[in-house]
């Protein structure tokens, strides 16, 4: 699928390069009250940083979302992070205009609603704790401990290699051992941008997006993401489009994940580009 890089200024609404993307944007503009705007967090609303705990939303993200949200049916942040962490790092709580924001955290396994300020979640999968207990020894045995970093995610656990002396080599060296560990504990491995995440099966952004779109009766969908985990959400939008719900696929530009760029209707320049796109959309709908 061809895509188009956003080179417009903040006041212009870029045109998707595919017919499906143009149809999706036209549907959002024609009936914004039925539109769902769904967004990944890291790499999409927040720049990628070496330490995920230091990630924060782009400075203009929250005011832009607050301007857009009242014009559409719903705004949802779909992330692999625990929803409380995304809310904290995003600065989403208590913002006028975002009273009905939803954060679908842990790939939809947990949900934070701004209207109540509460998180709803099922019981965690026991395999996550078991795998976490084995990770330090595994990293040591394969010689991948130096520079790697374990991120506790509650319902998942991730190993980052971005700080290693050779990040890509460390990433590749860990693929098979982590896949074996995940299988033994009933988990799956989701690769990302120099990160490998172990989590329960059946948790992905596509499932979360489909369920929420159907829950609210979305008449159109825009989804923006930057990483391999967002491919499932892209597939979900394709399914919605095949069933008659128009949609737009946006890639928050990354040279590290070419698969997303190739499938997108529109490519923008990272979180700053996502914010420009959403600001232009809000201005058009106001």
C-alpha atoms as a PDB file:
ATOM      1  CA  UNK A   1       0.000   0.000   0.000  1.00  0.00           C
ATOM      2  CA  UNK A   2       1.399   3.394  -0.913  1.00  0.00           C
ATOM      3  CA  UNK A   3       1.667   6.102   1.695  1.00  0.00           C
ATOM      4  CA  UNK A   4       2.307   9.791   1.801  1.00  0.00           C
ATOM      5  CA  UNK A   5       4.655  11.676   4.103  1.00  0.00           C
ATOM      6  CA  UNK A   6       3.192  14.759   5.741  1.00  0.00           C
ATOM      7  CA  UNK A   7       5.176  17.799   4.704  1.00  0.00           C
ATOM      8  CA  UNK A   8       2.394  20.320   5.232  1.00  0.00           C
ATOM      9  CA  UNK A   9       2.417  23.050   7.841  1.00  0.00           C
ATOM     10  CA  UNK A  10       0.341  22.917  11.022  1.00  0.00           C
ATOM     11  CA  UNK A  11      -2.707  24.523   9.427  1.00  0.00           C
ATOM     12  CA  UNK A  12      -3.160  22.078   6.550  1.00  0.00           C
ATOM     13  CA  UNK A  13      -4.957  18.745   6.638  1.00  0.00           C
ATOM     14  CA  UNK A  14      -2.825  16.334   4.565  1.00  0.00           C
ATOM     15  CA  UNK A  15      -4.488  14.093   1.999  1.00  0.00           C
ATOM     16  CA  UNK A  16      -3.995  10.316   2.322  1.00  0.00           C
ATOM     17  CA  UNK A  17      -2.426   8.817  -0.780  1.00  0.00           C
ATOM     18  CA  UNK A  18      -4.810   5.823  -0.957  1.00  0.00           C
ATOM     19  CA  UNK A  19      -8.468   5.815  -1.925  1.00  0.00           C
ATOM     20  CA  UNK A  20      -9.386   3.889   1.239  1.00  0.00           C
ATOM     21  CA  UNK A  21      -7.599   6.494   3.341  1.00  0.00           C
ATOM     22  CA  UNK A  22      -9.288   9.372   1.507  1.00  0.00           C
ATOM     23  CA  UNK A  23     -12.674   7.715   1.996  1.00  0.00           C
ATOM     24  CA  UNK A  24     -11.916   7.305   5.691  1.00  0.00           C
ATOM     25  CA  UNK A  25     -10.942  10.947   6.137  1.00  0.00           C
ATOM     26  CA  UNK A  26     -13.987  12.100   4.157  1.00  0.00           C
ATOM     27  CA  UNK A  27     -16.234  10.031   6.464  1.00  0.00           C
ATOM     28  CA  UNK A  28     -14.652  11.585   9.560  1.00  0.00           C
ATOM     29  CA  UNK A  29     -15.141  15.094   8.156  1.00  0.00           C
ATOM     30  CA  UNK A  30     -18.715  14.398   7.050  1.00  0.00           C
ATOM     31  CA  UNK A  31     -19.885  12.753  10.277  1.00  0.00           C
ATOM     32  CA  UNK A  32     -17.417  13.588  13.064  1.00  0.00           C
ATOM     33  CA  UNK A  33     -19.946  12.640  15.737  1.00  0.00           C
ATOM     34  CA  UNK A  34     -19.515   8.996  14.674  1.00  0.00           C
ATOM     35  CA  UNK A  35     -15.701   9.071  14.410  1.00  0.00           C
ATOM     36  CA  UNK A  36     -13.286   7.206  16.672  1.00  0.00           C
ATOM     37  CA  UNK A  37      -9.758   8.647  16.922  1.00  0.00           C
ATOM     38  CA  UNK A  38      -7.460   5.959  18.326  1.00  0.00           C
ATOM     39  CA  UNK A  39      -3.786   6.519  19.057  1.00  0.00           C
ATOM     40  CA  UNK A  40      -0.795   4.580  20.289  1.00  0.00           C
ATOM     41  CA  UNK A  41       1.225   6.302  23.048  1.00  0.00           C
ATOM     42  CA  UNK A  42       4.996   5.686  22.810  1.00  0.00           C
ATOM     43  CA  UNK A  43       6.350   6.875  19.479  1.00  0.00           C
ATOM     44  CA  UNK A  44       2.987   8.328  18.476  1.00  0.00           C
ATOM     45  CA  UNK A  45       1.912  10.765  21.187  1.00  0.00           C
ATOM     46  CA  UNK A  46       5.239  10.610  23.034  1.00  0.00           C
ATOM     47  CA  UNK A  47       8.743  10.593  21.513  1.00  0.00           C
ATOM     48  CA  UNK A  48      10.753   7.381  21.946  1.00  0.00           C
ATOM     49  CA  UNK A  49      13.416   7.746  24.673  1.00  0.00           C
ATOM     50  CA  UNK A  50      16.056   5.280  25.979  1.00  0.00           C
ATOM     51  CA  UNK A  51      14.254   4.900  29.331  1.00  0.00           C
ATOM     52  CA  UNK A  52      10.475   4.354  28.925  1.00  0.00           C
ATOM     53  CA  UNK A  53       9.899   5.772  32.401  1.00  0.00           C
ATOM     54  CA  UNK A  54      11.087   9.128  31.080  1.00  0.00           C
ATOM     55  CA  UNK A  55       8.647   9.163  28.151  1.00  0.00           C
ATOM     56  CA  UNK A  56       6.191  12.043  28.173  1.00  0.00           C
ATOM     57  CA  UNK A  57       3.543  13.150  25.705  1.00  0.00           C
ATOM     58  CA  UNK A  58       4.529  15.783  23.149  1.00  0.00           C
ATOM     59  CA  UNK A  59       3.949  19.203  24.779  1.00  0.00           C
ATOM     60  CA  UNK A  60       1.122  20.016  22.354  1.00  0.00           C
ATOM     61  CA  UNK A  61      -0.551  16.594  22.465  1.00  0.00           C
ATOM     62  CA  UNK A  62      -2.930  17.176  25.372  1.00  0.00           C
ATOM     63  CA  UNK A  63      -4.228  20.613  24.282  1.00  0.00           C
ATOM     64  CA  UNK A  64      -4.662  19.276  20.753  1.00  0.00           C
ATOM     65  CA  UNK A  65      -6.618  16.234  21.970  1.00  0.00           C
ATOM     66  CA  UNK A  66      -8.711  18.479  24.212  1.00  0.00           C
ATOM     67  CA  UNK A  67      -9.652  20.565  21.168  1.00  0.00           C
ATOM     68  CA  UNK A  68     -10.423  17.514  19.033  1.00  0.00           C
ATOM     69  CA  UNK A  69     -12.244  15.255  21.497  1.00  0.00           C
ATOM     70  CA  UNK A  70     -15.472  17.299  21.820  1.00  0.00           C
ATOM     71  CA  UNK A  71     -15.862  17.229  18.015  1.00  0.00           C
ATOM     72  CA  UNK A  72     -15.784  13.422  17.600  1.00  0.00           C
ATOM     73  CA  UNK A  73     -17.489  10.370  19.068  1.00  0.00           C
ATOM     74  CA  UNK A  74     -14.474   9.216  21.074  1.00  0.00           C
ATOM     75  CA  UNK A  75     -10.736   9.478  21.543  1.00  0.00           C
ATOM     76  CA  UNK A  76      -8.916   6.377  22.768  1.00  0.00           C
ATOM     77  CA  UNK A  77      -5.272   5.785  23.595  1.00  0.00           C
ATOM     78  CA  UNK A  78      -4.378   2.149  22.839  1.00  0.00           C
ATOM     79  CA  UNK A  79      -1.129   1.118  24.488  1.00  0.00           C
ATOM     80  CA  UNK A  80       0.864  -1.787  25.826  1.00  0.00           C
ATOM     81  CA  UNK A  81       1.582   0.195  28.978  1.00  0.00           C
ATOM     82  CA  UNK A  82      -0.549  -0.084  32.118  1.00  0.00           C
ATOM     83  CA  UNK A  83      -3.279   2.529  31.670  1.00  0.00           C
ATOM     84  CA  UNK A  84      -2.339   4.391  34.848  1.00  0.00           C
ATOM     85  CA  UNK A  85       1.207   4.869  33.551  1.00  0.00           C
ATOM     86  CA  UNK A  86      -0.034   6.163  30.201  1.00  0.00           C
ATOM     87  CA  UNK A  87      -2.406   8.558  31.972  1.00  0.00           C
ATOM     88  CA  UNK A  88       0.398   9.822  34.203  1.00  0.00           C
ATOM     89  CA  UNK A  89       2.986  10.167  31.449  1.00  0.00           C
ATOM     90  CA  UNK A  90       0.442  11.650  29.087  1.00  0.00           C
ATOM     91  CA  UNK A  91      -1.017  14.138  31.563  1.00  0.00           C
ATOM     92  CA  UNK A  92      -4.544  13.109  30.541  1.00  0.00           C
ATOM     93  CA  UNK A  93      -6.361  13.262  33.891  1.00  0.00           C
ATOM     94  CA  UNK A  94      -8.560  16.207  34.782  1.00  0.00           C
ATOM     95  CA  UNK A  95      -8.170  18.013  31.458  1.00  0.00           C
ATOM     96  CA  UNK A  96     -11.214  19.996  30.258  1.00  0.00           C
ATOM     97  CA  UNK A  97     -12.294  18.555  26.922  1.00  0.00           C
ATOM     98  CA  UNK A  98     -10.963  15.082  27.730  1.00  0.00           C
ATOM     99  CA  UNK A  99     -13.757  14.099  30.108  1.00  0.00           C
ATOM    100  CA  UNK A 100     -14.592  11.031  28.007  1.00  0.00           C
ATOM    101  CA  UNK A 101     -11.096   9.948  27.005  1.00  0.00           C
ATOM    102  CA  UNK A 102     -10.494   6.196  27.301  1.00  0.00           C
ATOM    103  CA  UNK A 103      -7.086   4.546  27.712  1.00  0.00           C
ATOM    104  CA  UNK A 104      -7.047   0.909  26.652  1.00  0.00           C
ATOM    105  CA  UNK A 105      -3.919  -0.259  28.465  1.00  0.00           C
ATOM    106  CA  UNK A 106      -2.131  -3.609  28.379  1.00  0.00           C
ATOM    107  CA  UNK A 107      -3.463  -3.983  24.822  1.00  0.00           C
ATOM    108  CA  UNK A 108      -7.042  -3.622  26.034  1.00  0.00           C
ATOM    109  CA  UNK A 109      -6.806  -5.931  29.061  1.00  0.00           C
ATOM    110  CA  UNK A 110      -7.158  -2.885  31.326  1.00  0.00           C
ATOM    111  CA  UNK A 111      -9.221   0.240  30.760  1.00  0.00           C
ATOM    112  CA  UNK A 112      -9.099   3.708  32.263  1.00  0.00           C
ATOM    113  CA  UNK A 113     -12.100   6.005  31.797  1.00  0.00           C
ATOM    114  CA  UNK A 114     -11.630   9.731  32.359  1.00  0.00           C
ATOM    115  CA  UNK A 115     -15.279  10.082  33.337  1.00  0.00           C
ATOM    116  CA  UNK A 116     -14.722   7.939  36.460  1.00  0.00           C
ATOM    117  CA  UNK A 117     -10.945   8.142  36.812  1.00  0.00           C
ATOM    118  CA  UNK A 118     -10.903   4.413  37.530  1.00  0.00           C
ATOM    119  CA  UNK A 119      -9.257   1.344  35.996  1.00  0.00           C
ATOM    120  CA  UNK A 120     -11.136  -1.885  35.301  1.00  0.00           C
ATOM    121  CA  UNK A 121      -9.181  -5.111  34.808  1.00  0.00           C
ATOM    122  CA  UNK A 122      -9.414  -8.907  35.036  1.00  0.00           C
ATOM    123  CA  UNK A 123      -7.052 -11.057  37.121  1.00  0.00           C
ATOM    124  CA  UNK A 124      -3.447 -11.176  35.779  1.00  0.00           C
ATOM    125  CA  UNK A 125      -2.036 -14.213  33.951  1.00  0.00           C
ATOM    126  CA  UNK A 126       0.193 -16.237  36.347  1.00  0.00           C
ATOM    127  CA  UNK A 127       2.720 -16.931  33.594  1.00  0.00           C
ATOM    128  CA  UNK A 128       3.907 -13.313  33.601  1.00  0.00           C
ATOM    129  CA  UNK A 129       5.216 -13.462  37.171  1.00  0.00           C
ATOM    130  CA  UNK A 130       6.811 -16.864  36.536  1.00  0.00           C
ATOM    131  CA  UNK A 131       8.591 -15.640  33.401  1.00  0.00           C
ATOM    132  CA  UNK A 132       9.713 -12.461  35.159  1.00  0.00           C
ATOM    133  CA  UNK A 133      11.367 -14.512  37.901  1.00  0.00           C
ATOM    134  CA  UNK A 134      13.448 -16.391  35.310  1.00  0.00           C
ATOM    135  CA  UNK A 135      14.502 -13.408  33.199  1.00  0.00           C
ATOM    136  CA  UNK A 136      17.637 -12.291  35.112  1.00  0.00           C
ATOM    137  CA  UNK A 137      19.140 -15.788  34.948  1.00  0.00           C
ATOM    138  CA  UNK A 138      18.208 -16.162  31.272  1.00  0.00           C
ATOM    139  CA  UNK A 139      19.808 -12.849  30.312  1.00  0.00           C
ATOM    140  CA  UNK A 140      22.940 -13.808  32.201  1.00  0.00           C
ATOM    141  CA  UNK A 141      23.176 -17.245  30.559  1.00  0.00           C
ATOM    142  CA  UNK A 142      22.914 -15.900  27.011  1.00  0.00           C
ATOM    143  CA  UNK A 143      25.378 -13.101  27.737  1.00  0.00           C
ATOM    144  CA  UNK A 144      22.821 -10.408  27.029  1.00  0.00           C
ATOM    145  CA  UNK A 145      22.621  -8.795  30.459  1.00  0.00           C
ATOM    146  CA  UNK A 146      25.008  -5.909  29.717  1.00  0.00           C
ATOM    147  CA  UNK A 147      22.942  -2.953  28.527  1.00  0.00           C
ATOM    148  CA  UNK A 148      19.579  -4.730  28.503  1.00  0.00           C
ATOM    149  CA  UNK A 149      16.770  -3.575  30.761  1.00  0.00           C
ATOM    150  CA  UNK A 150      13.671  -5.313  32.117  1.00  0.00           C
ATOM    151  CA  UNK A 151      10.464  -3.272  32.200  1.00  0.00           C
ATOM    152  CA  UNK A 152       7.768  -4.357  34.631  1.00  0.00           C
ATOM    153  CA  UNK A 153       4.349  -3.895  33.027  1.00  0.00           C
ATOM    154  CA  UNK A 154       2.106  -5.753  35.473  1.00  0.00           C
ATOM    155  CA  UNK A 155       0.265  -7.896  32.932  1.00  0.00           C
ATOM    156  CA  UNK A 156       3.363  -8.203  30.771  1.00  0.00           C
ATOM    157  CA  UNK A 157       7.138  -7.936  31.039  1.00  0.00           C
ATOM    158  CA  UNK A 158       9.480  -6.480  28.440  1.00  0.00           C
ATOM    159  CA  UNK A 159      13.200  -6.661  27.720  1.00  0.00           C
ATOM    160  CA  UNK A 160      14.709  -3.559  26.097  1.00  0.00           C
ATOM    161  CA  UNK A 161      17.998  -3.620  24.188  1.00  0.00           C
ATOM    162  CA  UNK A 162      18.237   0.049  23.161  1.00  0.00           C
ATOM    163  CA  UNK A 163      20.966   0.705  25.759  1.00  0.00           C
ATOM    164  CA  UNK A 164      23.149  -2.262  24.712  1.00  0.00           C
ATOM    165  CA  UNK A 165      26.461  -1.655  22.916  1.00  0.00           C
ATOM    166  CA  UNK A 166      24.942  -3.331  19.834  1.00  0.00           C
ATOM    167  CA  UNK A 167      21.161  -2.970  20.310  1.00  0.00           C
ATOM    168  CA  UNK A 168      20.096  -4.904  17.211  1.00  0.00           C
ATOM    169  CA  UNK A 169      22.491  -7.814  17.875  1.00  0.00           C
ATOM    170  CA  UNK A 170      21.233  -8.079  21.469  1.00  0.00           C
ATOM    171  CA  UNK A 171      17.662  -7.983  20.197  1.00  0.00           C
ATOM    172  CA  UNK A 172      18.270 -10.818  17.731  1.00  0.00           C
ATOM    173  CA  UNK A 173      20.182 -12.899  20.303  1.00  0.00           C
ATOM    174  CA  UNK A 174      17.214 -12.755  22.678  1.00  0.00           C
ATOM    175  CA  UNK A 175      14.470 -13.673  20.210  1.00  0.00           C
ATOM    176  CA  UNK A 176      14.735 -17.479  20.496  1.00  0.00           C
ATOM    177  CA  UNK A 177      15.463 -17.717  24.255  1.00  0.00           C
ATOM    178  CA  UNK A 178      12.571 -15.399  25.104  1.00  0.00           C
ATOM    179  CA  UNK A 179      10.255 -17.285  22.748  1.00  0.00           C
ATOM    180  CA  UNK A 180      11.131 -20.529  24.574  1.00  0.00           C
ATOM    181  CA  UNK A 181      10.555 -18.876  27.959  1.00  0.00           C
ATOM    182  CA  UNK A 182       7.203 -17.476  26.832  1.00  0.00           C
ATOM    183  CA  UNK A 183       6.024 -20.833  25.485  1.00  0.00           C
ATOM    184  CA  UNK A 184       6.842 -22.612  28.749  1.00  0.00           C
ATOM    185  CA  UNK A 185       4.661 -20.163  30.666  1.00  0.00           C
ATOM    186  CA  UNK A 186       1.754 -19.899  28.227  1.00  0.00           C
ATOM    187  CA  UNK A 187       2.761 -16.484  26.927  1.00  0.00           C
ATOM    188  CA  UNK A 188       3.620 -14.982  23.545  1.00  0.00           C
ATOM    189  CA  UNK A 189       6.466 -12.664  22.509  1.00  0.00           C
ATOM    190  CA  UNK A 190       5.662  -9.380  20.784  1.00  0.00           C
ATOM    191  CA  UNK A 191       8.688  -7.724  19.124  1.00  0.00           C
ATOM    192  CA  UNK A 192       8.861  -3.959  18.940  1.00  0.00           C
ATOM    193  CA  UNK A 193      11.426  -1.208  18.410  1.00  0.00           C
ATOM    194  CA  UNK A 194      14.409  -2.835  20.177  1.00  0.00           C
ATOM    195  CA  UNK A 195      12.098  -4.398  22.743  1.00  0.00           C
ATOM    196  CA  UNK A 196      10.690  -7.909  23.184  1.00  0.00           C
ATOM    197  CA  UNK A 197       7.545  -8.160  25.286  1.00  0.00           C
ATOM    198  CA  UNK A 198       6.185 -11.309  26.924  1.00  0.00           C
ATOM    199  CA  UNK A 199       2.441 -11.215  27.457  1.00  0.00           C
ATOM    200  CA  UNK A 200      -0.628 -13.481  27.550  1.00  0.00           C
ATOM    201  CA  UNK A 201      -2.085 -14.612  24.208  1.00  0.00           C
ATOM    202  CA  UNK A 202      -5.195 -12.856  22.956  1.00  0.00           C
ATOM    203  CA  UNK A 203      -3.978  -9.421  24.052  1.00  0.00           C
ATOM    204  CA  UNK A 204      -3.268  -7.110  21.135  1.00  0.00           C
ATOM    205  CA  UNK A 205      -4.172  -3.658  19.922  1.00  0.00           C
ATOM    206  CA  UNK A 206      -6.308  -5.051  17.105  1.00  0.00           C
ATOM    207  CA  UNK A 207      -8.629  -6.904  19.487  1.00  0.00           C
ATOM    208  CA  UNK A 208      -8.821  -3.848  21.745  1.00  0.00           C
ATOM    209  CA  UNK A 209      -9.583  -1.489  18.856  1.00  0.00           C
ATOM    210  CA  UNK A 210     -12.228  -3.724  17.265  1.00  0.00           C
ATOM    211  CA  UNK A 211     -14.034  -4.283  20.550  1.00  0.00           C
ATOM    212  CA  UNK A 212     -14.080  -0.598  21.429  1.00  0.00           C
ATOM    213  CA  UNK A 213     -15.130   0.517  17.931  1.00  0.00           C
ATOM    214  CA  UNK A 214     -18.044  -1.916  18.049  1.00  0.00           C
ATOM    215  CA  UNK A 215     -18.921  -0.922  21.611  1.00  0.00           C
ATOM    216  CA  UNK A 216     -19.410   2.730  20.671  1.00  0.00           C
ATOM    217  CA  UNK A 217     -20.834   2.023  17.212  1.00  0.00           C
ATOM    218  CA  UNK A 218     -18.092   3.934  15.433  1.00  0.00           C
ATOM    219  CA  UNK A 219     -18.990   5.058  11.917  1.00  0.00           C
ATOM    220  CA  UNK A 220     -15.356   5.782  10.988  1.00  0.00           C
ATOM    221  CA  UNK A 221     -11.946   5.222  12.561  1.00  0.00           C
ATOM    222  CA  UNK A 222      -8.546   6.882  12.453  1.00  0.00           C
ATOM    223  CA  UNK A 223      -5.693   4.903  13.990  1.00  0.00           C
ATOM    224  CA  UNK A 224      -2.143   6.203  14.408  1.00  0.00           C
ATOM    225  CA  UNK A 225       0.819   4.088  15.539  1.00  0.00           C
ATOM    226  CA  UNK A 226       4.548   3.627  15.038  1.00  0.00           C
ATOM    227  CA  UNK A 227       5.592   0.098  16.027  1.00  0.00           C
ATOM    228  CA  UNK A 228       5.147  -3.581  15.164  1.00  0.00           C
ATOM    229  CA  UNK A 229       2.476  -3.907  17.845  1.00  0.00           C
ATOM    230  CA  UNK A 230       0.387  -1.432  15.872  1.00  0.00           C
ATOM    231  CA  UNK A 231       0.181  -3.763  12.876  1.00  0.00           C
ATOM    232  CA  UNK A 232      -2.638  -5.641  14.646  1.00  0.00           C
ATOM    233  CA  UNK A 233      -4.558  -2.363  14.955  1.00  0.00           C
ATOM    234  CA  UNK A 234      -3.942  -1.661  11.254  1.00  0.00           C
ATOM    235  CA  UNK A 235      -5.388  -5.093  10.477  1.00  0.00           C
ATOM    236  CA  UNK A 236      -8.407  -4.281  12.661  1.00  0.00           C
ATOM    237  CA  UNK A 237      -9.027  -1.089  10.665  1.00  0.00           C
ATOM    238  CA  UNK A 238      -8.764  -3.115   7.462  1.00  0.00           C
ATOM    239  CA  UNK A 239     -11.432  -5.492   8.839  1.00  0.00           C
ATOM    240  CA  UNK A 240     -13.677  -2.558   9.712  1.00  0.00           C
ATOM    241  CA  UNK A 241     -13.211  -1.093   6.240  1.00  0.00           C
ATOM    242  CA  UNK A 242     -14.075  -4.453   4.658  1.00  0.00           C
ATOM    243  CA  UNK A 243     -17.325  -4.476   6.645  1.00  0.00           C
ATOM    244  CA  UNK A 244     -18.280  -0.949   5.588  1.00  0.00           C
ATOM    245  CA  UNK A 245     -16.715   1.270   8.285  1.00  0.00           C
ATOM    246  CA  UNK A 246     -14.291   3.736   6.643  1.00  0.00           C
ATOM    247  CA  UNK A 247     -10.900   4.225   8.247  1.00  0.00           C
ATOM    248  CA  UNK A 248      -7.532   5.961   8.016  1.00  0.00           C
ATOM    249  CA  UNK A 249      -4.201   4.293   8.839  1.00  0.00           C
ATOM    250  CA  UNK A 250      -1.542   6.742  10.023  1.00  0.00           C
ATOM    251  CA  UNK A 251       2.122   5.884  10.578  1.00  0.00           C
ATOM    252  CA  UNK A 252       4.014   8.051  13.044  1.00  0.00           C
ATOM    253  CA  UNK A 253       7.109   7.964  10.855  1.00  0.00           C
ATOM    254  CA  UNK A 254       9.818   5.528  11.838  1.00  0.00           C
ATOM    255  CA  UNK A 255      12.742   4.242   9.838  1.00  0.00           C
ATOM    256  CA  UNK A 256      12.918   1.318  12.313  1.00  0.00           C
ATOM    257  CA  UNK A 257       9.504  -0.145  11.371  1.00  0.00           C
ATOM    258  CA  UNK A 258       9.102  -0.067   7.611  1.00  0.00           C
ATOM    259  CA  UNK A 259       6.177  -2.538   7.671  1.00  0.00           C
ATOM    260  CA  UNK A 260       3.912   0.089   9.222  1.00  0.00           C
ATOM    261  CA  UNK A 261       5.016   2.802   6.811  1.00  0.00           C
ATOM    262  CA  UNK A 262       4.306   0.541   3.839  1.00  0.00           C
ATOM    263  CA  UNK A 263       0.751  -0.212   5.009  1.00  0.00           C
ATOM    264  CA  UNK A 264      -0.196   3.312   6.043  1.00  0.00           C
ATOM    265  CA  UNK A 265      -2.512   5.634   4.140  1.00  0.00           C
ATOM    266  CA  UNK A 266      -0.608   8.577   5.566  1.00  0.00           C
ATOM    267  CA  UNK A 267       2.874   8.916   7.075  1.00  0.00           C
ATOM    268  CA  UNK A 268       3.610  11.829   9.402  1.00  0.00           C
ATOM    269  CA  UNK A 269       6.824  12.967  11.036  1.00  0.00           C
ATOM    270  CA  UNK A 270       6.682  11.266  14.437  1.00  0.00           C
ATOM    271  CA  UNK A 271       4.721  12.620  17.427  1.00  0.00           C
ATOM    272  CA  UNK A 272       5.125  16.200  16.215  1.00  0.00           C
ATOM    273  CA  UNK A 273       3.553  15.171  12.906  1.00  0.00           C
ATOM    274  CA  UNK A 274       0.740  13.335  14.674  1.00  0.00           C
ATOM    275  CA  UNK A 275      -0.013  16.454  16.717  1.00  0.00           C
ATOM    276  CA  UNK A 276      -0.031  18.608  13.561  1.00  0.00           C
ATOM    277  CA  UNK A 277      -2.435  16.190  11.892  1.00  0.00           C
ATOM    278  CA  UNK A 278      -4.801  16.118  14.870  1.00  0.00           C
ATOM    279  CA  UNK A 279      -4.640  19.895  15.263  1.00  0.00           C
ATOM    280  CA  UNK A 280      -5.516  20.396  11.596  1.00  0.00           C
ATOM    281  CA  UNK A 281      -8.388  17.914  11.948  1.00  0.00           C
ATOM    282  CA  UNK A 282      -9.702  19.720  15.043  1.00  0.00           C
ATOM    283  CA  UNK A 283      -9.517  23.052  13.237  1.00  0.00           C
ATOM    284  CA  UNK A 284     -11.435  21.651  10.271  1.00  0.00           C
ATOM    285  CA  UNK A 285     -14.154  20.233  12.527  1.00  0.00           C
ATOM    286  CA  UNK A 286     -14.507  23.245  14.823  1.00  0.00           C
END
